[in-house]
Amino acid sequence: MKVTYKKLWKKMIDLEMTKTELREKTGISTVTLAKLGKDQVVSMEVLMKICKALECNIDEICDFVEV
């Protein structure tokens, strides 16, 4: 299985939020943001920070897809 963060990027567009704003609001590093951009695995802690910042649940920011 593979993870995809397409829902996160769509949500950010809907909120008119930039990646820089997300990084500043959550405190995640630029390296972690780059991992998200490449659909790479990040820690649950990072996902929880994003959910808290965007006031959403994890299923609203990522999906797991069959490879």
PDB file of N, CA and C in Angstrom:
ATOM      1  N   MET A   1       0.842  -1.193   0.000  1.00  0.00           N
ATOM      2  CA  MET A   1       0.000   0.000   0.000  1.00  0.00           C
ATOM      3  C   MET A   1       0.877   1.242   0.000  1.00  0.00           C
ATOM      4  N   LYS A   2       0.294   2.295  -0.518  1.00  0.00           N
ATOM      5  CA  LYS A   2       0.988   3.572  -0.608  1.00  0.00           C
ATOM      6  C   LYS A   2       0.089   4.650  -0.020  1.00  0.00           C
ATOM      7  N   VAL A   3       0.693   5.689   0.506  1.00  0.00           N
ATOM      8  CA  VAL A   3      -0.079   6.802   1.053  1.00  0.00           C
ATOM      9  C   VAL A   3      -0.109   7.931   0.025  1.00  0.00           C
ATOM     10  N   THR A   4      -1.237   8.642  -0.016  1.00  0.00           N
ATOM     11  CA  THR A   4      -1.348   9.829  -0.853  1.00  0.00           C
ATOM     12  C   THR A   4      -1.966  10.959  -0.029  1.00  0.00           C
ATOM     13  N   TYR A   5      -1.457  12.156  -0.249  1.00  0.00           N
ATOM     14  CA  TYR A   5      -1.931  13.329   0.492  1.00  0.00           C
ATOM     15  C   TYR A   5      -2.708  14.288  -0.402  1.00  0.00           C
ATOM     16  N   LYS A   6      -3.299  13.775  -1.468  1.00  0.00           N
ATOM     17  CA  LYS A   6      -4.071  14.613  -2.391  1.00  0.00           C
ATOM     18  C   LYS A   6      -5.187  15.361  -1.668  1.00  0.00           C
ATOM     19  N   LYS A   7      -5.806  14.692  -0.708  1.00  0.00           N
ATOM     20  CA  LYS A   7      -6.878  15.340   0.056  1.00  0.00           C
ATOM     21  C   LYS A   7      -6.354  16.539   0.843  1.00  0.00           C
ATOM     22  N   LEU A   8      -5.129  16.431   1.359  1.00  0.00           N
ATOM     23  CA  LEU A   8      -4.532  17.544   2.099  1.00  0.00           C
ATOM     24  C   LEU A   8      -4.363  18.752   1.187  1.00  0.00           C
ATOM     25  N   TRP A   9      -3.812  18.527  -0.006  1.00  0.00           N
ATOM     26  CA  TRP A   9      -3.575  19.648  -0.923  1.00  0.00           C
ATOM     27  C   TRP A   9      -4.895  20.271  -1.372  1.00  0.00           C
ATOM     28  N   LYS A  10      -5.916  19.440  -1.590  1.00  0.00           N
ATOM     29  CA  LYS A  10      -7.229  19.960  -1.966  1.00  0.00           C
ATOM     30  C   LYS A  10      -7.816  20.797  -0.838  1.00  0.00           C
ATOM     31  N   LYS A  11      -7.681  20.293   0.385  1.00  0.00           N
ATOM     32  CA  LYS A  11      -8.198  21.018   1.544  1.00  0.00           C
ATOM     33  C   LYS A  11      -7.491  22.366   1.700  1.00  0.00           C
ATOM     34  N   MET A  12      -6.188  22.362   1.478  1.00  0.00           N
ATOM     35  CA  MET A  12      -5.434  23.616   1.592  1.00  0.00           C
ATOM     36  C   MET A  12      -5.868  24.617   0.521  1.00  0.00           C
ATOM     37  N   ILE A  13      -6.154  24.136  -0.686  1.00  0.00           N
ATOM     38  CA  ILE A  13      -6.653  25.017  -1.742  1.00  0.00           C
ATOM     39  C   ILE A  13      -7.991  25.611  -1.326  1.00  0.00           C
ATOM     40  N   ASP A  14      -8.869  24.771  -0.792  1.00  0.00           N
ATOM     41  CA  ASP A  14     -10.186  25.236  -0.339  1.00  0.00           C
ATOM     42  C   ASP A  14     -10.057  26.283   0.764  1.00  0.00           C
ATOM     43  N   LEU A  15      -9.040  26.123   1.622  1.00  0.00           N
ATOM     44  CA  LEU A  15      -8.815  27.065   2.718  1.00  0.00           C
ATOM     45  C   LEU A  15      -7.940  28.248   2.299  1.00  0.00           C
ATOM     46  N   GLU A  16      -7.501  28.232   1.043  1.00  0.00           N
ATOM     47  CA  GLU A  16      -6.587  29.254   0.521  1.00  0.00           C
ATOM     48  C   GLU A  16      -5.346  29.381   1.404  1.00  0.00           C
ATOM     49  N   MET A  17      -4.773  28.222   1.753  1.00  0.00           N
ATOM     50  CA  MET A  17      -3.595  28.157   2.616  1.00  0.00           C
ATOM     51  C   MET A  17      -2.400  27.688   1.802  1.00  0.00           C
ATOM     52  N   THR A  18      -1.260  28.333   2.005  1.00  0.00           N
ATOM     53  CA  THR A  18      -0.040  27.926   1.313  1.00  0.00           C
ATOM     54  C   THR A  18       0.694  26.864   2.126  1.00  0.00           C
ATOM     55  N   LYS A  19       1.647  26.214   1.485  1.00  0.00           N
ATOM     56  CA  LYS A  19       2.467  25.231   2.198  1.00  0.00           C
ATOM     57  C   LYS A  19       3.266  25.902   3.303  1.00  0.00           C
ATOM     58  N   THR A  20       3.721  27.105   3.063  1.00  0.00           N
ATOM     59  CA  THR A  20       4.471  27.844   4.084  1.00  0.00           C
ATOM     60  C   THR A  20       3.583  28.128   5.293  1.00  0.00           C
ATOM     61  N   GLU A  21       2.352  28.526   5.045  1.00  0.00           N
ATOM     62  CA  GLU A  21       1.417  28.779   6.146  1.00  0.00           C
ATOM     63  C   GLU A  21       1.150  27.511   6.939  1.00  0.00           C
ATOM     64  N   LEU A  22       1.006  26.391   6.236  1.00  0.00           N
ATOM     65  CA  LEU A  22       0.795  25.116   6.921  1.00  0.00           C
ATOM     66  C   LEU A  22       1.999  24.784   7.793  1.00  0.00           C
ATOM     67  N   ARG A  23       3.192  24.953   7.231  1.00  0.00           N
ATOM     68  CA  ARG A  23       4.419  24.651   7.972  1.00  0.00           C
ATOM     69  C   ARG A  23       4.516  25.516   9.229  1.00  0.00           C
ATOM     70  N   GLU A  24       4.225  26.801   9.102  1.00  0.00           N
ATOM     71  CA  GLU A  24       4.306  27.704  10.249  1.00  0.00           C
ATOM     72  C   GLU A  24       3.240  27.392  11.295  1.00  0.00           C
ATOM     73  N   LYS A  25       2.049  27.048  10.849  1.00  0.00           N
ATOM     74  CA  LYS A  25       0.940  26.770  11.774  1.00  0.00           C
ATOM     75  C   LYS A  25       1.141  25.465  12.538  1.00  0.00           C
ATOM     76  N   THR A  26       1.792  24.485  11.899  1.00  0.00           N
ATOM     77  CA  THR A  26       1.964  23.175  12.527  1.00  0.00           C
ATOM     78  C   THR A  26       3.314  22.998  13.198  1.00  0.00           C
ATOM     79  N   GLY A  27       4.310  23.771  12.762  1.00  0.00           N
ATOM     80  CA  GLY A  27       5.654  23.618  13.310  1.00  0.00           C
ATOM     81  C   GLY A  27       6.427  22.471  12.680  1.00  0.00           C
ATOM     82  N   ILE A  28       5.941  21.942  11.557  1.00  0.00           N
ATOM     83  CA  ILE A  28       6.670  20.863  10.888  1.00  0.00           C
ATOM     84  C   ILE A  28       7.827  21.447  10.086  1.00  0.00           C
ATOM     85  N   SER A  29       8.809  20.624   9.816  1.00  0.00           N
ATOM     86  CA  SER A  29      10.001  21.093   9.108  1.00  0.00           C
ATOM     87  C   SER A  29       9.770  21.127   7.600  1.00  0.00           C
ATOM     88  N   THR A  30      10.672  21.807   6.907  1.00  0.00           N
ATOM     89  CA  THR A  30      10.593  21.839   5.445  1.00  0.00           C
ATOM     90  C   THR A  30      10.854  20.457   4.860  1.00  0.00           C
ATOM     91  N   VAL A  31      11.670  19.658   5.532  1.00  0.00           N
ATOM     92  CA  VAL A  31      11.939  18.288   5.087  1.00  0.00           C
ATOM     93  C   VAL A  31      10.649  17.456   5.147  1.00  0.00           C
ATOM     94  N   THR A  32       9.920  17.598   6.233  1.00  0.00           N
ATOM     95  CA  THR A  32       8.653  16.872   6.384  1.00  0.00           C
ATOM     96  C   THR A  32       7.647  17.337   5.339  1.00  0.00           C
ATOM     97  N   LEU A  33       7.608  18.626   5.092  1.00  0.00           N
ATOM     98  CA  LEU A  33       6.714  19.151   4.068  1.00  0.00           C
ATOM     99  C   LEU A  33       7.068  18.592   2.695  1.00  0.00           C
ATOM    100  N   ALA A  34       8.359  18.454   2.423  1.00  0.00           N
ATOM    101  CA  ALA A  34       8.811  17.867   1.157  1.00  0.00           C
ATOM    102  C   ALA A  34       8.380  16.400   1.061  1.00  0.00           C
ATOM    103  N   LYS A  35       8.449  15.668   2.170  1.00  0.00           N
ATOM    104  CA  LYS A  35       7.998  14.272   2.189  1.00  0.00           C
ATOM    105  C   LYS A  35       6.510  14.182   1.862  1.00  0.00           C
ATOM    106  N   LEU A  36       5.734  15.083   2.427  1.00  0.00           N
ATOM    107  CA  LEU A  36       4.301  15.114   2.134  1.00  0.00           C
ATOM    108  C   LEU A  36       4.083  15.373   0.645  1.00  0.00           C
ATOM    109  N   GLY A  37       4.863  16.273   0.086  1.00  0.00           N
ATOM    110  CA  GLY A  37       4.743  16.601  -1.324  1.00  0.00           C
ATOM    111  C   GLY A  37       5.087  15.448  -2.244  1.00  0.00           C
ATOM    112  N   LYS A  38       5.900  14.525  -1.757  1.00  0.00           N
ATOM    113  CA  LYS A  38       6.312  13.354  -2.538  1.00  0.00           C
ATOM    114  C   LYS A  38       5.512  12.108  -2.170  1.00  0.00           C
ATOM    115  N   ASP A  39       4.448  12.283  -1.384  1.00  0.00           N
ATOM    116  CA  ASP A  39       3.614  11.161  -0.924  1.00  0.00           C
ATOM    117  C   ASP A  39       4.433  10.105  -0.194  1.00  0.00           C
ATOM    118  N   GLN A  40       5.368  10.551   0.626  1.00  0.00           N
ATOM    119  CA  GLN A  40       6.159   9.634   1.435  1.00  0.00           C
ATOM    120  C   GLN A  40       5.544   9.532   2.834  1.00  0.00           C
ATOM    121  N   VAL A  41       5.876   8.470   3.523  1.00  0.00           N
ATOM    122  CA  VAL A  41       5.342   8.235   4.863  1.00  0.00           C
ATOM    123  C   VAL A  41       5.916   9.259   5.847  1.00  0.00           C
ATOM    124  N   VAL A  42       5.044   9.831   6.668  1.00  0.00           N
ATOM    125  CA  VAL A  42       5.455  10.708   7.759  1.00  0.00           C
ATOM    126  C   VAL A  42       4.881  10.141   9.049  1.00  0.00           C
ATOM    127  N   SER A  43       5.336  10.654  10.174  1.00  0.00           N
ATOM    128  CA  SER A  43       4.900  10.109  11.462  1.00  0.00           C
ATOM    129  C   SER A  43       3.448  10.478  11.767  1.00  0.00           C
ATOM    130  N   MET A  44       2.844   9.692  12.610  1.00  0.00           N
ATOM    131  CA  MET A  44       1.486   9.961  13.068  1.00  0.00           C
ATOM    132  C   MET A  44       1.437  11.303  13.794  1.00  0.00           C
ATOM    133  N   GLU A  45       2.513  11.655  14.480  1.00  0.00           N
ATOM    134  CA  GLU A  45       2.586  12.935  15.178  1.00  0.00           C
ATOM    135  C   GLU A  45       2.416  14.102  14.200  1.00  0.00           C
ATOM    136  N   VAL A  46       3.058  14.010  13.059  1.00  0.00           N
ATOM    137  CA  VAL A  46       2.940  15.048  12.034  1.00  0.00           C
ATOM    138  C   VAL A  46       1.497  15.129  11.535  1.00  0.00           C
ATOM    139  N   LEU A  47       0.906  13.991  11.256  1.00  0.00           N
ATOM    140  CA  LEU A  47      -0.478  13.970  10.785  1.00  0.00           C
ATOM    141  C   LEU A  47      -1.429  14.547  11.824  1.00  0.00           C
ATOM    142  N   MET A  48      -1.177  14.269  13.087  1.00  0.00           N
ATOM    143  CA  MET A  48      -2.010  14.811  14.162  1.00  0.00           C
ATOM    144  C   MET A  48      -1.867  16.332  14.239  1.00  0.00           C
ATOM    145  N   LYS A  49      -0.653  16.850  14.067  1.00  0.00           N
ATOM    146  CA  LYS A  49      -0.434  18.301  14.070  1.00  0.00           C
ATOM    147  C   LYS A  49      -1.200  18.956  12.934  1.00  0.00           C
ATOM    148  N   ILE A  50      -1.171  18.337  11.767  1.00  0.00           N
ATOM    149  CA  ILE A  50      -1.885  18.884  10.611  1.00  0.00           C
ATOM    150  C   ILE A  50      -3.386  18.860  10.867  1.00  0.00           C
ATOM    151  N   CYS A  51      -3.891  17.752  11.378  1.00  0.00           N
ATOM    152  CA  CYS A  51      -5.319  17.652  11.683  1.00  0.00           C
ATOM    153  C   CYS A  51      -5.748  18.706  12.696  1.00  0.00           C
ATOM    154  N   LYS A  52      -4.937  18.919  13.689  1.00  0.00           N
ATOM    155  CA  LYS A  52      -5.260  19.930  14.707  1.00  0.00           C
ATOM    156  C   LYS A  52      -5.285  21.321  14.086  1.00  0.00           C
ATOM    157  N   ALA A  53      -4.280  21.617  13.261  1.00  0.00           N
ATOM    158  CA  ALA A  53      -4.189  22.936  12.642  1.00  0.00           C
ATOM    159  C   ALA A  53      -5.341  23.193  11.670  1.00  0.00           C
ATOM    160  N   LEU A  54      -5.762  22.163  10.963  1.00  0.00           N
ATOM    161  CA  LEU A  54      -6.829  22.314   9.969  1.00  0.00           C
ATOM    162  C   LEU A  54      -8.204  21.958  10.526  1.00  0.00           C
ATOM    163  N   GLU A  55      -8.240  21.558  11.789  1.00  0.00           N
ATOM    164  CA  GLU A  55      -9.481  21.180  12.467  1.00  0.00           C
ATOM    165  C   GLU A  55     -10.238  20.123  11.657  1.00  0.00           C
ATOM    166  N   CYS A  56      -9.541  19.013  11.421  1.00  0.00           N
ATOM    167  CA  CYS A  56     -10.140  17.938  10.628  1.00  0.00           C
ATOM    168  C   CYS A  56      -9.689  16.576  11.160  1.00  0.00           C
ATOM    169  N   ASN A  57     -10.187  15.516  10.540  1.00  0.00           N
ATOM    170  CA  ASN A  57      -9.786  14.154  10.886  1.00  0.00           C
ATOM    171  C   ASN A  57      -8.792  13.648   9.851  1.00  0.00           C
ATOM    172  N   ILE A  58      -8.076  12.603  10.204  1.00  0.00           N
ATOM    173  CA  ILE A  58      -7.022  12.081   9.341  1.00  0.00           C
ATOM    174  C   ILE A  58      -7.548  11.640   7.978  1.00  0.00           C
ATOM    175  N   ASP A  59      -8.776  11.134   7.919  1.00  0.00           N
ATOM    176  CA  ASP A  59      -9.312  10.689   6.635  1.00  0.00           C
ATOM    177  C   ASP A  59      -9.624  11.852   5.687  1.00  0.00           C
ATOM    178  N   GLU A  60      -9.521  13.071   6.198  1.00  0.00           N
ATOM    179  CA  GLU A  60      -9.730  14.250   5.364  1.00  0.00           C
ATOM    180  C   GLU A  60      -8.438  14.763   4.735  1.00  0.00           C
ATOM    181  N   ILE A  61      -7.285  14.168   5.119  1.00  0.00           N
ATOM    182  CA  ILE A  61      -6.013  14.656   4.581  1.00  0.00           C
ATOM    183  C   ILE A  61      -5.180  13.585   3.880  1.00  0.00           C
ATOM    184  N   CYS A  62      -5.510  12.318   4.073  1.00  0.00           N
ATOM    185  CA  CYS A  62      -4.708  11.284   3.401  1.00  0.00           C
ATOM    186  C   CYS A  62      -5.552  10.049   3.096  1.00  0.00           C
ATOM    187  N   ASP A  63      -5.042   9.275   2.163  1.00  0.00           N
ATOM    188  CA  ASP A  63      -5.646   8.004   1.768  1.00  0.00           C
ATOM    189  C   ASP A  63      -4.547   6.970   1.597  1.00  0.00           C
ATOM    190  N   PHE A  64      -4.919   5.715   1.741  1.00  0.00           N
ATOM    191  CA  PHE A  64      -4.014   4.622   1.443  1.00  0.00           C
ATOM    192  C   PHE A  64      -4.529   3.941   0.187  1.00  0.00           C
ATOM    193  N   VAL A  65      -3.639   3.752  -0.780  1.00  0.00           N
ATOM    194  CA  VAL A  65      -4.039   3.182  -2.062  1.00  0.00           C
ATOM    195  C   VAL A  65      -3.203   1.940  -2.361  1.00  0.00           C
ATOM    196  N   GLU A  66      -3.808   1.017  -3.097  1.00  0.00           N
ATOM    197  CA  GLU A  66      -3.091  -0.187  -3.521  1.00  0.00           C
ATOM    198  C   GLU A  66      -2.087   0.188  -4.594  1.00  0.00           C
ATOM    199  N   VAL A  67      -0.929  -0.442  -4.541  1.00  0.00           N
ATOM    200  CA  VAL A  67       0.113  -0.171  -5.547  1.00  0.00           C
ATOM    201  C   VAL A  67      -0.025  -1.124  -6.699  1.00  0.00           C
TER     202      VAL A  67
END
